């Protein structure tokens, strides 16, 4: 699931559901902010690895920058593992958390 924050102390609001059907334990792929990856690189990685649109990728990059982390994909644990590895291979800090 993708969430956004309005930056004015309001609660997070659900923007788009991004749960794919799959067999296995549901989990969230979380990416953390860092000081060395550019917005363009993070966005390109989300588009190529996760299949997100340019707008989704930009929104997630901003969330990560301002909040320190964001859930970038929700799916079965088995589906997220190779995506996490691909993001890490590109220098992003990513983890998978089961629900």
Foldseek 3Di string as FASTA:
>chain_A
DFWADPPPPDDIDDDDDAEDEDDAFKKFKKWFDDDPDDLVLQLVLCCVLVVDDSVLSNRQSVCRVVVGMTGSHIYHPVVCVVSCVSCVVSPIDIDMGTD
